[in-house]
């Protein structure tokens, strides 16, 4: 910190003399030739350690200038040393002190005395600035302590609220289990019957297709195929809910074929949204061949559903290998996994909800904006876990979401070698 000194004298040679004596002590200097110029400088600058001012100046002398300076509250902290060539009587000396002076230096100036007096006020200035800095630091510390106390109180209240919420969640979980049982019953009875009728009528149309164009035949075929897939999905969901600790039947599956079939099914909404889907070639996976379809179908449907208005949806599906630690029995080990990425540029969500989105019936957006039952991602999580894998999400509001499914590849390599 370099203290700043205001030098005031109507003669430039006197100003130069003062500056020459003091410059080796490392001060900053601002110079003025009149009282009027001093007042003008102090309108904009007031962080001075000291003012060295000549008494005898034209128009406004040093005493009058000092009175004007100290009439302003923000300037009263600046000490003034008068420099004079006159031998004032006691009355005039008192007049100078009354005007606000802290000391006098007589001309001719003794350089050592001048430097010694200036150094005292410079040191006082430094100490004062340090005290101000310490005071500001203490104020900040006190404010932080106050915030910590308030946060601790808020945390205690939050824990209390969480305990109440936990009890409420237990009740909600029991209710959700009942709703799930009701859903299973509905799926097994109420949904099966209309699906069978849809398939029956599409088969009848296929058998009586004389006079029907090729496009219409394709639509009828698609109805039959989609109906069968939905019926298979319901059957597998029912079976999936009954899974205990036994391993699901799995086989070597080409996910690229599954993805192409799903994209064909979603062709209408893809065209409607002018979506672009980029598929990297995925590796063969040893997985339940039925459950892999709803896994990809739900994830691609979500990416299309939660797209941003006015922005072309771009969905990319790609993969990479990774080594991950697992705690599956009989011992913890590091296995090679296939990470499947479904990345979109949709509306996204806050990362703090990344785990909650996989909860049953959990919705981050109102039903009025986006349709859905709230079980799609929960089903994806179950499918990943039942295939010795796991699923998680990375997302940012307004930038999109990436869903990552990690599935084991250790047995895939062995089976691929046998096939080759």
Protein backbone atom coordinates (compact mmCIF):
# COMPACT_ATOMS: atom_id res chain seq x y z
CA UNK A 1 0.00 0.00 0.00
CA UNK A 2 1.52 3.33 -1.15
CA UNK A 3 0.16 6.30 0.87
CA UNK A 4 -0.95 9.21 -1.28
CA UNK A 5 0.12 12.76 -0.31
CA UNK A 6 -1.41 16.01 -1.59
CA UNK A 7 1.26 18.72 -2.08
CA UNK A 8 -0.08 22.30 -2.20
CA UNK A 9 2.01 25.39 -3.05
CA UNK A 10 1.59 28.20 -5.53
CA UNK A 11 5.24 27.83 -6.64
CA UNK A 12 6.26 24.86 -8.77
CA UNK A 13 9.84 24.92 -7.46
CA UNK A 14 8.58 24.42 -3.90
CA UNK A 15 6.42 21.50 -5.04
CA UNK A 16 9.42 19.95 -6.80
CA UNK A 17 11.51 20.38 -3.64
CA UNK A 18 8.92 18.60 -1.49
CA UNK A 19 8.57 15.77 -4.02
CA UNK A 20 12.38 15.36 -4.25
CA UNK A 21 12.75 15.04 -0.48
CA UNK A 22 9.93 12.47 -0.10
CA UNK A 23 10.00 10.44 -3.32
CA UNK A 24 12.54 7.88 -2.12
CA UNK A 25 10.12 6.82 0.66
CA UNK A 26 7.73 5.43 -1.94
CA UNK A 27 4.78 7.78 -1.66
CA UNK A 28 2.31 8.73 -4.38
CA UNK A 29 1.96 12.47 -5.04
CA UNK A 30 -0.85 14.69 -6.24
CA UNK A 31 0.07 18.38 -6.70
CA UNK A 32 -1.98 21.57 -6.62
CA UNK A 33 -1.03 25.26 -7.08
CA UNK A 34 -3.97 26.91 -5.31
CA UNK A 35 -6.67 26.38 -2.74
CA UNK A 36 -9.28 26.32 -5.48
CA UNK A 37 -7.43 23.49 -7.27
CA UNK A 38 -7.17 21.58 -3.96
CA UNK A 39 -10.92 21.72 -3.47
CA UNK A 40 -11.47 20.59 -7.05
CA UNK A 41 -9.16 17.58 -6.56
CA UNK A 42 -10.88 16.62 -3.29
CA UNK A 43 -14.24 16.49 -5.02
CA UNK A 44 -13.12 13.26 -6.70
CA UNK A 45 -10.21 12.00 -4.58
CA UNK A 46 -10.21 11.81 -0.80
CA UNK A 47 -8.04 8.81 0.01
CA UNK A 48 -5.01 10.87 1.10
CA UNK A 49 -2.70 9.99 3.96
CA UNK A 50 -1.63 13.64 4.40
CA UNK A 51 -1.86 17.17 2.96
CA UNK A 52 1.29 19.34 2.93
CA UNK A 53 0.04 22.88 2.29
CA UNK A 54 1.70 26.28 2.03
CA UNK A 55 -0.01 28.97 4.14
CA UNK A 56 0.64 31.96 1.88
CA UNK A 57 -1.28 31.45 -1.38
CA UNK A 58 -3.14 34.00 -3.51
CA UNK A 59 -6.96 34.32 -3.44
CA UNK A 60 -7.53 31.53 -0.87
CA UNK A 61 -4.76 31.06 1.70
CA UNK A 62 -3.94 27.82 3.47
CA UNK A 63 -6.07 28.53 6.57
CA UNK A 64 -9.19 29.25 4.51
CA UNK A 65 -8.57 26.21 2.34
CA UNK A 66 -8.24 24.00 5.44
CA UNK A 67 -11.57 25.28 6.83
CA UNK A 68 -13.29 24.50 3.53
CA UNK A 69 -11.74 21.01 3.45
CA UNK A 70 -12.86 20.15 6.98
CA UNK A 71 -16.37 21.45 6.33
CA UNK A 72 -16.92 18.21 4.40
CA UNK A 73 -17.53 15.14 6.58
CA UNK A 74 -15.70 12.69 4.33
CA UNK A 75 -12.50 14.84 4.31
CA UNK A 76 -12.12 15.37 8.06
CA UNK A 77 -9.91 12.32 8.47
CA UNK A 78 -7.09 13.81 6.33
CA UNK A 79 -4.35 15.44 8.46
CA UNK A 80 -2.88 18.79 7.27
CA UNK A 81 0.65 20.06 7.90
CA UNK A 82 1.12 23.74 7.12
CA UNK A 83 4.41 24.88 5.54
CA UNK A 84 5.30 28.51 6.09
CA UNK A 85 8.20 30.89 5.69
CA UNK A 86 6.75 33.35 8.24
CA UNK A 87 7.36 33.39 11.96
CA UNK A 88 3.77 33.61 13.13
CA UNK A 89 2.87 34.75 16.57
CA UNK A 90 0.99 32.46 18.91
CA UNK A 91 -2.35 33.86 17.80
CA UNK A 92 -1.72 32.96 14.17
CA UNK A 93 -0.34 29.55 15.13
CA UNK A 94 -3.53 28.91 17.11
CA UNK A 95 -5.48 30.13 14.09
CA UNK A 96 -3.80 27.44 12.02
CA UNK A 97 -4.58 24.71 14.53
CA UNK A 98 -8.13 25.97 14.78
CA UNK A 99 -8.42 25.64 11.02
CA UNK A 100 -7.50 21.98 11.39
CA UNK A 101 -3.74 21.77 11.07
CA UNK A 102 -1.94 19.00 12.97
CA UNK A 103 1.51 20.54 12.69
CA UNK A 104 3.74 23.28 11.20
CA UNK A 105 6.97 23.01 9.22
CA UNK A 106 8.95 26.19 8.76
CA UNK A 107 10.95 27.16 5.71
CA UNK A 108 13.70 26.57 4.88
CA UNK A 109 12.59 22.95 5.19
CA UNK A 110 14.73 20.51 7.12
CA UNK A 111 14.54 17.37 4.97
CA UNK A 112 15.05 14.93 7.84
CA UNK A 113 12.36 16.55 9.98
CA UNK A 114 9.95 16.62 7.04
CA UNK A 115 10.53 12.95 6.24
CA UNK A 116 10.19 11.94 9.90
CA UNK A 117 6.88 13.77 10.36
CA UNK A 118 5.46 12.52 7.07
CA UNK A 119 6.48 8.93 7.92
CA UNK A 120 4.50 9.11 11.18
CA UNK A 121 1.29 10.08 9.38
CA UNK A 122 1.94 7.56 6.58
CA UNK A 123 2.27 4.79 9.17
CA UNK A 124 -0.92 5.95 10.89
CA UNK A 125 -2.63 5.81 7.51
CA UNK A 126 -1.42 2.24 6.91
CA UNK A 127 -2.53 1.11 10.36
CA UNK A 128 -5.92 2.71 9.86
CA UNK A 129 -6.40 0.95 6.52
CA UNK A 130 -5.44 -2.36 8.12
CA UNK A 131 -7.95 -1.78 10.91
CA UNK A 132 -10.65 -1.01 8.36
CA UNK A 133 -9.77 -4.19 6.44
CA UNK A 134 -9.85 -6.22 9.67
CA UNK A 135 -13.18 -4.69 10.58
CA UNK A 136 -14.62 -5.62 7.20
CA UNK A 137 -13.22 -9.12 7.58
CA UNK A 138 -14.80 -9.46 11.03
CA UNK A 139 -18.11 -8.22 9.66
CA UNK A 140 -17.89 -10.89 6.96
CA UNK A 141 -17.00 -13.58 9.50
CA UNK A 142 -19.91 -12.55 11.73
CA UNK A 143 -22.23 -12.63 8.75
CA UNK A 144 -21.03 -16.12 7.80
CA UNK A 145 -21.47 -17.31 11.37
CA UNK A 146 -24.97 -15.92 11.40
CA UNK A 147 -25.72 -17.68 8.12
CA UNK A 148 -24.30 -20.97 9.46
CA UNK A 149 -26.46 -20.68 12.58
CA UNK A 150 -29.53 -20.00 10.46
CA UNK A 151 -28.64 -22.87 8.13
CA UNK A 152 -28.19 -25.20 11.10
CA UNK A 153 -31.58 -24.21 12.44
CA UNK A 154 -33.06 -24.68 8.99
CA UNK A 155 -31.36 -28.09 8.72
CA UNK A 156 -32.83 -29.17 12.05
CA UNK A 157 -36.24 -28.06 10.89
CA UNK A 158 -35.66 -29.84 7.59
CA UNK A 159 -34.72 -33.08 9.39
CA UNK A 160 -37.91 -32.81 11.40
CA UNK A 161 -39.89 -32.23 8.21
CA UNK A 162 -38.11 -35.14 6.52
CA UNK A 163 -39.10 -37.42 9.37
CA UNK A 164 -42.71 -36.39 8.89
CA UNK A 165 -42.28 -36.79 5.13
CA UNK A 166 -40.82 -40.25 5.66
CA UNK A 167 -43.93 -41.34 7.49
CA UNK A 168 -46.03 -39.87 4.70
CA UNK A 169 -43.90 -41.66 2.09
CA UNK A 170 -44.40 -44.97 3.86
CA UNK A 171 -48.13 -44.44 3.63
CA UNK A 172 -47.77 -43.41 -0.05
CA UNK A 173 -45.64 -46.48 -0.74
CA UNK A 174 -48.28 -48.75 0.69
CA UNK A 175 -50.84 -46.97 -1.47
CA UNK A 176 -48.55 -47.25 -4.52
CA UNK A 177 -48.17 -50.99 -3.97
CA UNK A 178 -51.94 -51.31 -3.98
CA UNK A 179 -52.10 -49.24 -7.17
CA UNK A 180 -49.45 -51.48 -8.72
CA UNK A 181 -51.42 -54.60 -7.84
CA UNK A 182 -54.45 -52.96 -9.41
CA UNK A 183 -52.42 -52.14 -12.53
CA UNK A 184 -51.25 -55.73 -12.86
CA UNK A 185 -54.82 -56.97 -12.54
CA UNK A 186 -56.01 -54.43 -15.14
CA UNK A 187 -53.18 -55.35 -17.52
CA UNK A 188 -53.94 -59.05 -17.23
CA UNK A 189 -57.67 -58.76 -17.83
CA UNK A 190 -58.88 -55.38 -19.13
CA UNK A 191 -56.04 -54.84 -21.65
CA UNK A 192 -55.65 -58.36 -22.94
CA UNK A 193 -59.20 -58.65 -24.29
CA UNK A 194 -59.20 -55.53 -26.55
CA UNK A 195 -55.73 -56.37 -27.83
CA UNK A 196 -56.85 -59.82 -28.85
CA UNK A 197 -59.77 -58.28 -30.74
CA UNK A 198 -57.47 -55.79 -32.50
CA UNK A 199 -55.23 -58.64 -33.63
CA UNK A 200 -58.22 -60.74 -34.69
CA UNK A 201 -59.71 -57.95 -36.83
CA UNK A 202 -56.34 -57.09 -38.38
CA UNK A 203 -55.92 -60.78 -39.28
CA UNK A 204 -59.38 -60.77 -40.87
CA UNK A 205 -58.47 -57.68 -42.91
CA UNK A 206 -55.25 -59.34 -43.98
CA UNK A 207 -57.14 -62.47 -45.13
CA UNK A 208 -59.68 -60.36 -47.06
CA UNK A 209 -57.27 -57.91 -48.62
CA UNK A 210 -58.65 -58.07 -52.19
CA UNK A 211 -59.01 -54.55 -53.52
CA UNK A 212 -56.81 -53.06 -50.79
CA UNK A 213 -53.72 -51.15 -51.89
CA UNK A 214 -50.17 -52.01 -50.88
CA UNK A 215 -49.96 -49.03 -48.52
CA UNK A 216 -53.14 -50.11 -46.74
CA UNK A 217 -51.81 -53.66 -46.48
CA UNK A 218 -48.70 -52.25 -44.89
CA UNK A 219 -50.79 -50.34 -42.34
CA UNK A 220 -52.81 -53.45 -41.52
CA UNK A 221 -49.61 -55.45 -41.13
CA UNK A 222 -48.22 -52.76 -38.85
CA UNK A 223 -51.38 -52.83 -36.73
CA UNK A 224 -51.06 -56.58 -36.31
CA UNK A 225 -47.36 -56.38 -35.54
CA UNK A 226 -47.70 -53.52 -33.04
CA UNK A 227 -50.67 -55.20 -31.37
CA UNK A 228 -48.70 -58.41 -30.97
CA UNK A 229 -45.74 -56.48 -29.54
CA UNK A 230 -48.00 -54.71 -27.07
CA UNK A 231 -49.58 -57.98 -26.03
CA UNK A 232 -46.16 -59.55 -25.62
CA UNK A 233 -45.09 -56.53 -23.58
CA UNK A 234 -48.05 -56.89 -21.24
CA UNK A 235 -47.35 -60.59 -20.79
CA UNK A 236 -43.70 -59.90 -20.07
CA UNK A 237 -44.58 -57.09 -17.64
CA UNK A 238 -46.83 -59.44 -15.75
CA UNK A 239 -44.11 -62.06 -15.72
CA UNK A 240 -41.54 -59.44 -14.77
CA UNK A 241 -43.55 -58.42 -11.71
CA UNK A 242 -43.46 -62.04 -10.52
CA UNK A 243 -39.72 -62.43 -10.85
CA UNK A 244 -38.18 -63.53 -7.58
CA UNK A 245 -34.49 -64.22 -7.33
CA UNK A 246 -34.17 -66.42 -10.39
CA UNK A 247 -32.24 -65.28 -13.45
CA UNK A 248 -34.24 -64.17 -16.48
CA UNK A 249 -33.79 -66.23 -19.61
CA UNK A 250 -31.22 -64.42 -21.75
CA UNK A 251 -29.69 -64.88 -25.17
CA UNK A 252 -27.41 -63.13 -27.61
CA UNK A 253 -29.33 -60.12 -28.98
CA UNK A 254 -28.48 -57.60 -31.68
CA UNK A 255 -29.74 -54.26 -30.28
CA UNK A 256 -29.26 -52.58 -33.68
CA UNK A 257 -32.14 -54.62 -35.12
CA UNK A 258 -34.32 -53.83 -32.11
CA UNK A 259 -33.61 -50.09 -32.45
CA UNK A 260 -34.47 -50.08 -36.16
CA UNK A 261 -37.78 -51.82 -35.43
CA UNK A 262 -38.59 -49.30 -32.69
CA UNK A 263 -37.74 -46.37 -34.98
CA UNK A 264 -40.10 -47.86 -37.56
CA UNK A 265 -42.83 -48.01 -34.91
CA UNK A 266 -42.17 -44.39 -33.94
CA UNK A 267 -42.05 -43.23 -37.56
CA UNK A 268 -45.18 -41.08 -37.29
CA UNK A 269 -44.03 -39.00 -34.31
CA UNK A 270 -40.49 -38.81 -35.76
CA UNK A 271 -41.90 -37.29 -38.94
CA UNK A 272 -44.24 -35.02 -37.00
CA UNK A 273 -41.38 -33.56 -34.95
CA UNK A 274 -38.87 -33.66 -37.84
CA UNK A 275 -36.57 -35.54 -35.48
CA UNK A 276 -33.10 -36.75 -36.45
CA UNK A 277 -31.91 -40.01 -34.88
CA UNK A 278 -28.25 -40.93 -35.13
CA UNK A 279 -27.44 -44.57 -34.40
CA UNK A 280 -23.93 -45.84 -33.86
CA UNK A 281 -23.46 -49.57 -34.32
CA UNK A 282 -23.98 -51.24 -30.95
CA UNK A 283 -22.35 -54.51 -29.85
CA UNK A 284 -24.19 -57.79 -29.39
CA UNK A 285 -25.63 -58.13 -25.90
CA UNK A 286 -26.43 -61.18 -23.80
CA UNK A 287 -29.80 -60.04 -22.44
CA UNK A 288 -33.45 -60.90 -22.10
CA UNK A 289 -34.60 -60.43 -25.73
CA UNK A 290 -38.13 -59.39 -24.77
CA UNK A 291 -37.24 -56.81 -22.13
CA UNK A 292 -34.68 -55.02 -24.28
CA UNK A 293 -37.49 -53.74 -26.52
CA UNK A 294 -39.43 -51.80 -23.83
CA UNK A 295 -36.09 -50.55 -22.49
CA UNK A 296 -35.17 -48.80 -25.75
CA UNK A 297 -38.79 -47.97 -26.65
CA UNK A 298 -39.39 -46.05 -23.43
CA UNK A 299 -36.10 -44.15 -23.67
CA UNK A 300 -36.53 -43.12 -27.31
CA UNK A 301 -40.18 -42.21 -26.71
CA UNK A 302 -39.18 -39.98 -23.79
CA UNK A 303 -36.54 -38.21 -25.87
CA UNK A 304 -39.14 -37.46 -28.54
CA UNK A 305 -41.84 -36.54 -26.02
CA UNK A 306 -39.70 -34.09 -24.04
CA UNK A 307 -38.26 -32.22 -27.02
CA UNK A 308 -38.06 -28.42 -27.07
CA UNK A 309 -40.53 -26.41 -29.12
CA UNK A 310 -39.01 -24.83 -32.19
CA UNK A 311 -35.83 -26.95 -31.94
CA UNK A 312 -35.26 -29.99 -34.15
CA UNK A 313 -34.98 -33.02 -31.85
CA UNK A 314 -31.64 -34.76 -32.28
CA UNK A 315 -31.27 -38.14 -30.57
CA UNK A 316 -28.01 -40.05 -30.62
CA UNK A 317 -27.53 -43.65 -29.51
CA UNK A 318 -23.96 -44.79 -29.01
CA UNK A 319 -21.85 -46.90 -26.69
CA UNK A 320 -18.45 -47.32 -25.11
CA UNK A 321 -16.75 -50.01 -23.06
CA UNK A 322 -15.80 -49.42 -19.44
CA UNK A 323 -14.40 -51.25 -16.45
CA UNK A 324 -16.66 -50.94 -13.43
CA UNK A 325 -16.57 -52.37 -9.93
CA UNK A 326 -19.46 -54.59 -8.94
CA UNK A 327 -20.51 -56.05 -5.62
CA UNK A 328 -22.47 -58.93 -7.04
CA UNK A 329 -21.90 -62.27 -5.40
CA UNK A 330 -19.93 -64.41 -4.79
CA UNK A 331 -17.28 -61.66 -4.56
CA UNK A 332 -16.74 -58.07 -5.48
CA UNK A 333 -14.77 -57.70 -8.72
CA UNK A 334 -14.13 -55.43 -11.68
CA UNK A 335 -16.04 -56.38 -14.83
CA UNK A 336 -16.19 -55.04 -18.32
CA UNK A 337 -19.43 -53.23 -19.04
CA UNK A 338 -21.07 -51.84 -22.12
CA UNK A 339 -22.33 -48.32 -21.56
CA UNK A 340 -25.24 -47.50 -23.83
CA UNK A 341 -25.97 -43.77 -24.22
CA UNK A 342 -29.30 -42.29 -25.33
CA UNK A 343 -28.58 -38.57 -25.71
CA UNK A 344 -31.08 -35.87 -26.68
CA UNK A 345 -31.28 -32.08 -26.88
CA UNK A 346 -34.68 -31.80 -25.21
CA UNK A 347 -36.01 -29.75 -22.29
CA UNK A 348 -33.90 -31.60 -19.69
CA UNK A 349 -34.33 -31.33 -15.93
CA UNK A 350 -32.33 -30.34 -12.84
CA UNK A 351 -29.57 -32.84 -12.03
CA UNK A 352 -30.75 -33.10 -8.42
CA UNK A 353 -33.72 -35.14 -9.72
CA UNK A 354 -31.48 -37.62 -11.57
CA UNK A 355 -32.30 -40.48 -9.19
CA UNK A 356 -35.94 -39.59 -8.56
CA UNK A 357 -36.89 -39.82 -12.26
CA UNK A 358 -36.51 -43.60 -12.02
CA UNK A 359 -39.01 -43.88 -9.16
CA UNK A 360 -42.40 -45.40 -9.85
CA UNK A 361 -45.05 -42.82 -10.82
CA UNK A 362 -42.52 -39.97 -10.47
CA UNK A 363 -43.24 -37.09 -12.86
CA UNK A 364 -41.25 -33.85 -13.12
CA UNK A 365 -43.67 -32.20 -15.54
CA UNK A 366 -47.47 -31.76 -15.32
CA UNK A 367 -49.71 -34.21 -17.17
CA UNK A 368 -51.35 -31.29 -18.94
CA UNK A 369 -48.10 -30.68 -20.84
CA UNK A 370 -46.78 -34.21 -21.31
CA UNK A 371 -48.80 -37.42 -21.34
CA UNK A 372 -47.60 -40.52 -19.56
CA UNK A 373 -48.14 -42.83 -16.61
CA UNK A 374 -44.86 -42.22 -14.80
CA UNK A 375 -43.76 -45.87 -14.91
CA UNK A 376 -41.62 -45.89 -18.07
CA UNK A 377 -38.26 -45.01 -16.50
CA UNK A 378 -39.02 -47.13 -13.42
CA UNK A 379 -39.53 -50.08 -15.77
CA UNK A 380 -36.22 -49.27 -17.52
CA UNK A 381 -34.45 -49.33 -14.16
CA UNK A 382 -35.92 -52.75 -13.33
CA UNK A 383 -34.94 -54.13 -16.71
CA UNK A 384 -31.34 -52.90 -16.35
CA UNK A 385 -31.02 -54.32 -12.83
CA UNK A 386 -32.52 -57.67 -13.78
CA UNK A 387 -29.83 -57.96 -16.45
CA UNK A 388 -27.05 -57.31 -13.89
CA UNK A 389 -26.78 -53.71 -15.03
CA UNK A 390 -27.73 -50.25 -13.83
CA UNK A 391 -29.09 -47.02 -15.26
CA UNK A 392 -28.56 -43.35 -14.45
CA UNK A 393 -29.10 -39.93 -15.99
CA UNK A 394 -27.21 -36.71 -16.72
CA UNK A 395 -29.29 -33.66 -17.54
CA UNK A 396 -29.38 -29.86 -17.64
CA UNK A 397 -32.47 -27.71 -18.02
CA UNK A 398 -32.82 -26.46 -21.58
CA UNK A 399 -29.85 -28.48 -22.87
CA UNK A 400 -31.06 -32.07 -22.93
CA UNK A 401 -30.71 -35.41 -21.17
CA UNK A 402 -28.40 -38.38 -21.51
CA UNK A 403 -29.53 -41.76 -20.16
CA UNK A 404 -26.71 -44.25 -19.56
CA UNK A 405 -27.39 -47.98 -19.28
CA UNK A 406 -24.47 -50.12 -18.13
CA UNK A 407 -24.81 -53.79 -19.04
CA UNK A 408 -22.19 -56.54 -18.51
CA UNK A 409 -20.17 -57.58 -21.56
CA UNK A 410 -18.10 -60.35 -20.03
CA UNK A 411 -20.28 -63.17 -21.41
CA UNK A 412 -20.89 -61.36 -24.68
CA UNK A 413 -17.30 -61.75 -25.79
CA UNK A 414 -17.36 -65.48 -25.05
CA UNK A 415 -20.57 -66.04 -27.01
CA UNK A 416 -19.43 -63.90 -29.91
CA UNK A 417 -16.28 -65.98 -30.17
CA UNK A 418 -18.39 -69.14 -30.35
CA UNK A 419 -20.63 -67.67 -33.03
CA UNK A 420 -17.66 -66.62 -35.14
